[in-house]
Amino acid sequence: MKGSYILLIKLKENKTINIGKIGKFDFKKGFYVYVGSALNGLDARINRHLRRNKKIHWHIDYLLNFTLITGIFYKKNSVKEECKIAHIFTKKLISIKGFGCSDCKCKSHLFYGSYNEIISIIKRLQMKKYP
């Protein structure tokens, strides 16, 4: 299955985290949403994010070492839509500048906001809850 996905992530306490080459970020406790795509296998990509012991490769890998994934949502497609989805979150949530978007022109692919705001946007996107 190919498509785009969203990770709903909870950080339990304020934390400064070094995110590889882009440097240190001060993350506030609360909810974050990460937007990604997997055109070579959605299941494999999501399962990789869920594993604790893995090689650090993407920006999100650094953050996931300190957080809990509380929800996963997806949309099947054969074209990359993560930038389009990220743009929608940019309008309503706080962008974590430069996170997860080193291969595109987006402001960010990681956003901070209230649980209710995030869920409301996900519902409007009509993304399905991942099993």
C-alpha atoms as a PDB file:
ATOM      1  CA  MET A   1       0.000   0.000   0.000  1.00  0.00           C
ATOM      2  CA  LYS A   2       1.299   3.459  -0.954  1.00  0.00           C
ATOM      3  CA  GLY A   3       0.232   6.719   0.583  1.00  0.00           C
ATOM      4  CA  SER A   4       0.564   9.564   3.031  1.00  0.00           C
ATOM      5  CA  TYR A   5       0.421   9.305   6.796  1.00  0.00           C
ATOM      6  CA  ILE A   6       0.191  11.351   9.946  1.00  0.00           C
ATOM      7  CA  LEU A   7       1.724  10.488  13.303  1.00  0.00           C
ATOM      8  CA  LEU A   8       0.014  12.001  16.332  1.00  0.00           C
ATOM      9  CA  ILE A   9       2.751  12.303  18.947  1.00  0.00           C
ATOM     10  CA  LYS A  10       2.691  13.196  22.640  1.00  0.00           C
ATOM     11  CA  LEU A  11       5.648  14.662  24.514  1.00  0.00           C
ATOM     12  CA  LYS A  12       5.143  14.356  28.276  1.00  0.00           C
ATOM     13  CA  GLU A  13       7.570  17.104  29.354  1.00  0.00           C
ATOM     14  CA  ASN A  14       9.438  20.062  27.924  1.00  0.00           C
ATOM     15  CA  LYS A  15      12.600  18.773  26.273  1.00  0.00           C
ATOM     16  CA  THR A  16      15.567  20.091  24.306  1.00  0.00           C
ATOM     17  CA  ILE A  17      16.471  17.566  21.610  1.00  0.00           C
ATOM     18  CA  ASN A  18      19.315  17.583  19.110  1.00  0.00           C
ATOM     19  CA  ILE A  19      17.799  16.862  15.703  1.00  0.00           C
ATOM     20  CA  GLY A  20      20.862  15.783  13.735  1.00  0.00           C
ATOM     21  CA  LYS A  21      22.327  18.346  11.340  1.00  0.00           C
ATOM     22  CA  ILE A  22      19.551  20.904  11.873  1.00  0.00           C
ATOM     23  CA  GLY A  23      20.514  21.307  15.534  1.00  0.00           C
ATOM     24  CA  LYS A  24      18.823  21.636  18.913  1.00  0.00           C
ATOM     25  CA  PHE A  25      15.142  22.333  19.308  1.00  0.00           C
ATOM     26  CA  ASP A  26      13.209  23.226  22.450  1.00  0.00           C
ATOM     27  CA  PHE A  27      10.019  21.178  22.368  1.00  0.00           C
ATOM     28  CA  LYS A  28       7.108  22.069  24.644  1.00  0.00           C
ATOM     29  CA  LYS A  29       5.175  19.262  26.247  1.00  0.00           C
ATOM     30  CA  GLY A  30       1.977  18.450  24.436  1.00  0.00           C
ATOM     31  CA  PHE A  31       0.821  17.172  21.078  1.00  0.00           C
ATOM     32  CA  TYR A  32       2.647  17.172  17.772  1.00  0.00           C
ATOM     33  CA  VAL A  33       1.650  15.948  14.361  1.00  0.00           C
ATOM     34  CA  TYR A  34       4.145  14.712  11.794  1.00  0.00           C
ATOM     35  CA  VAL A  35       3.256  14.397   8.113  1.00  0.00           C
ATOM     36  CA  GLY A  36       5.002  11.889   5.866  1.00  0.00           C
ATOM     37  CA  SER A  37       4.600   9.787   2.774  1.00  0.00           C
ATOM     38  CA  ALA A  38       5.605   6.273   1.831  1.00  0.00           C
ATOM     39  CA  LEU A  39       5.315   5.485  -1.831  1.00  0.00           C
ATOM     40  CA  ASN A  40       7.417   2.348  -1.418  1.00  0.00           C
ATOM     41  CA  GLY A  41       5.323   0.838   1.365  1.00  0.00           C
ATOM     42  CA  LEU A  42       3.136   2.523   3.930  1.00  0.00           C
ATOM     43  CA  ASP A  43       2.993  -0.442   6.313  1.00  0.00           C
ATOM     44  CA  ALA A  44       6.777  -0.803   6.408  1.00  0.00           C
ATOM     45  CA  ARG A  45       7.298   2.925   7.033  1.00  0.00           C
ATOM     46  CA  ILE A  46       4.751   3.058   9.851  1.00  0.00           C
ATOM     47  CA  ASN A  47       6.147  -0.100  11.450  1.00  0.00           C
ATOM     48  CA  ARG A  48       9.615   1.449  11.314  1.00  0.00           C
ATOM     49  CA  HIS A  49       8.349   4.536  13.154  1.00  0.00           C
ATOM     50  CA  LEU A  50       6.821   2.289  15.828  1.00  0.00           C
ATOM     51  CA  ARG A  51      10.103   0.434  16.504  1.00  0.00           C
ATOM     52  CA  ARG A  52      12.245   1.736  19.338  1.00  0.00           C
ATOM     53  CA  ASN A  53      15.558   0.209  18.240  1.00  0.00           C
ATOM     54  CA  LYS A  54      16.427   1.531  14.802  1.00  0.00           C
ATOM     55  CA  LYS A  55      19.109   3.437  12.991  1.00  0.00           C
ATOM     56  CA  ILE A  56      18.488   7.181  13.181  1.00  0.00           C
ATOM     57  CA  HIS A  57      17.812   8.341   9.635  1.00  0.00           C
ATOM     58  CA  TRP A  58      15.094  11.036   9.522  1.00  0.00           C
ATOM     59  CA  HIS A  59      14.427  14.075  11.721  1.00  0.00           C
ATOM     60  CA  ILE A  60      11.397  12.328  13.182  1.00  0.00           C
ATOM     61  CA  ASP A  61      13.586   9.459  14.435  1.00  0.00           C
ATOM     62  CA  TYR A  62      15.286  11.819  16.901  1.00  0.00           C
ATOM     63  CA  LEU A  63      11.969  13.069  18.303  1.00  0.00           C
ATOM     64  CA  LEU A  64      10.365   9.630  18.536  1.00  0.00           C
ATOM     65  CA  ASN A  65      13.065   8.562  21.017  1.00  0.00           C
ATOM     66  CA  PHE A  66      11.398  10.860  23.583  1.00  0.00           C
ATOM     67  CA  THR A  67       7.717  10.639  22.695  1.00  0.00           C
ATOM     68  CA  LEU A  68       4.739   8.339  22.433  1.00  0.00           C
ATOM     69  CA  ILE A  69       2.822   7.827  19.184  1.00  0.00           C
ATOM     70  CA  THR A  70      -0.822   8.110  20.245  1.00  0.00           C
ATOM     71  CA  GLY A  71      -2.429   7.825  16.822  1.00  0.00           C
ATOM     72  CA  ILE A  72      -1.620   7.041  13.213  1.00  0.00           C
ATOM     73  CA  PHE A  73      -3.729   8.109  10.256  1.00  0.00           C
ATOM     74  CA  TYR A  74      -3.268   7.420   6.562  1.00  0.00           C
ATOM     75  CA  LYS A  75      -4.557   8.012   3.076  1.00  0.00           C
ATOM     76  CA  LYS A  76      -3.869   5.665   0.159  1.00  0.00           C
ATOM     77  CA  ASN A  77      -2.443   7.337  -2.916  1.00  0.00           C
ATOM     78  CA  SER A  78       0.222   6.821  -5.519  1.00  0.00           C
ATOM     79  CA  VAL A  79       1.430  10.424  -5.610  1.00  0.00           C
ATOM     80  CA  LYS A  80       3.299  12.323  -2.932  1.00  0.00           C
ATOM     81  CA  GLU A  81       0.770  14.450  -1.010  1.00  0.00           C
ATOM     82  CA  GLU A  82       2.670  15.130   2.206  1.00  0.00           C
ATOM     83  CA  CYS A  83       3.483  18.740   1.233  1.00  0.00           C
ATOM     84  CA  LYS A  84      -0.161  19.465   0.424  1.00  0.00           C
ATOM     85  CA  ILE A  85      -1.197  17.986   3.791  1.00  0.00           C
ATOM     86  CA  ALA A  86       1.573  19.839   5.655  1.00  0.00           C
ATOM     87  CA  HIS A  87       0.392  23.119   4.122  1.00  0.00           C
ATOM     88  CA  ILE A  88      -3.051  22.581   5.657  1.00  0.00           C
ATOM     89  CA  PHE A  89      -1.519  22.115   9.132  1.00  0.00           C
ATOM     90  CA  THR A  90       0.640  25.232   8.593  1.00  0.00           C
ATOM     91  CA  LYS A  91      -2.509  27.364   8.470  1.00  0.00           C
ATOM     92  CA  LYS A  92      -3.817  26.264  11.902  1.00  0.00           C
ATOM     93  CA  LEU A  93      -0.913  24.975  14.028  1.00  0.00           C
ATOM     94  CA  ILE A  94       2.565  26.063  15.096  1.00  0.00           C
ATOM     95  CA  SER A  95       5.206  24.906  12.615  1.00  0.00           C
ATOM     96  CA  ILE A  96       8.507  23.517  13.876  1.00  0.00           C
ATOM     97  CA  LYS A  97      10.650  25.344  11.311  1.00  0.00           C
ATOM     98  CA  GLY A  98      12.707  23.153   9.002  1.00  0.00           C
ATOM     99  CA  PHE A  99      11.662  19.856  10.592  1.00  0.00           C
ATOM    100  CA  GLY A 100      11.166  16.935   8.215  1.00  0.00           C
ATOM    101  CA  CYS A 101      11.249  19.021   5.069  1.00  0.00           C
ATOM    102  CA  SER A 102      14.861  19.025   3.917  1.00  0.00           C
ATOM    103  CA  ASP A 103      13.789  17.528   0.565  1.00  0.00           C
ATOM    104  CA  CYS A 104      11.052  20.071  -0.238  1.00  0.00           C
ATOM    105  CA  LYS A 105      10.186  23.769   0.082  1.00  0.00           C
ATOM    106  CA  CYS A 106       7.716  23.413   2.963  1.00  0.00           C
ATOM    107  CA  LYS A 107       8.088  25.397   6.163  1.00  0.00           C
ATOM    108  CA  SER A 108       7.775  22.187   8.184  1.00  0.00           C
ATOM    109  CA  HIS A 109       6.333  18.689   8.334  1.00  0.00           C
ATOM    110  CA  LEU A 110       6.019  18.796  12.145  1.00  0.00           C
ATOM    111  CA  PHE A 111       3.395  20.874  13.925  1.00  0.00           C
ATOM    112  CA  TYR A 112       2.403  21.655  17.501  1.00  0.00           C
ATOM    113  CA  GLY A 113      -1.125  22.265  18.740  1.00  0.00           C
ATOM    114  CA  SER A 114      -3.922  21.102  20.957  1.00  0.00           C
ATOM    115  CA  TYR A 115      -5.221  17.572  20.637  1.00  0.00           C
ATOM    116  CA  ASN A 116      -8.644  18.856  19.564  1.00  0.00           C
ATOM    117  CA  GLU A 117      -7.203  21.149  16.857  1.00  0.00           C
ATOM    118  CA  ILE A 118      -5.110  18.315  15.435  1.00  0.00           C
ATOM    119  CA  ILE A 119      -7.983  15.810  15.402  1.00  0.00           C
ATOM    120  CA  SER A 120     -10.283  18.365  13.796  1.00  0.00           C
ATOM    121  CA  ILE A 121      -7.836  18.865  10.908  1.00  0.00           C
ATOM    122  CA  ILE A 122      -7.300  15.123  10.479  1.00  0.00           C
ATOM    123  CA  LYS A 123     -11.070  14.610  10.255  1.00  0.00           C
ATOM    124  CA  ARG A 124     -11.348  17.318   7.597  1.00  0.00           C
ATOM    125  CA  LEU A 125      -8.586  15.573   5.629  1.00  0.00           C
ATOM    126  CA  GLN A 126     -10.690  12.377   5.736  1.00  0.00           C
ATOM    127  CA  MET A 127      -7.706  10.258   6.697  1.00  0.00           C
ATOM    128  CA  LYS A 128      -8.355   6.802   8.106  1.00  0.00           C
ATOM    129  CA  LYS A 129      -7.125   5.546  11.455  1.00  0.00           C
ATOM    130  CA  TYR A 130      -4.311   3.062  10.956  1.00  0.00           C
ATOM    131  CA  PRO A 131      -4.957  -0.375  12.432  1.00  0.00           C
END
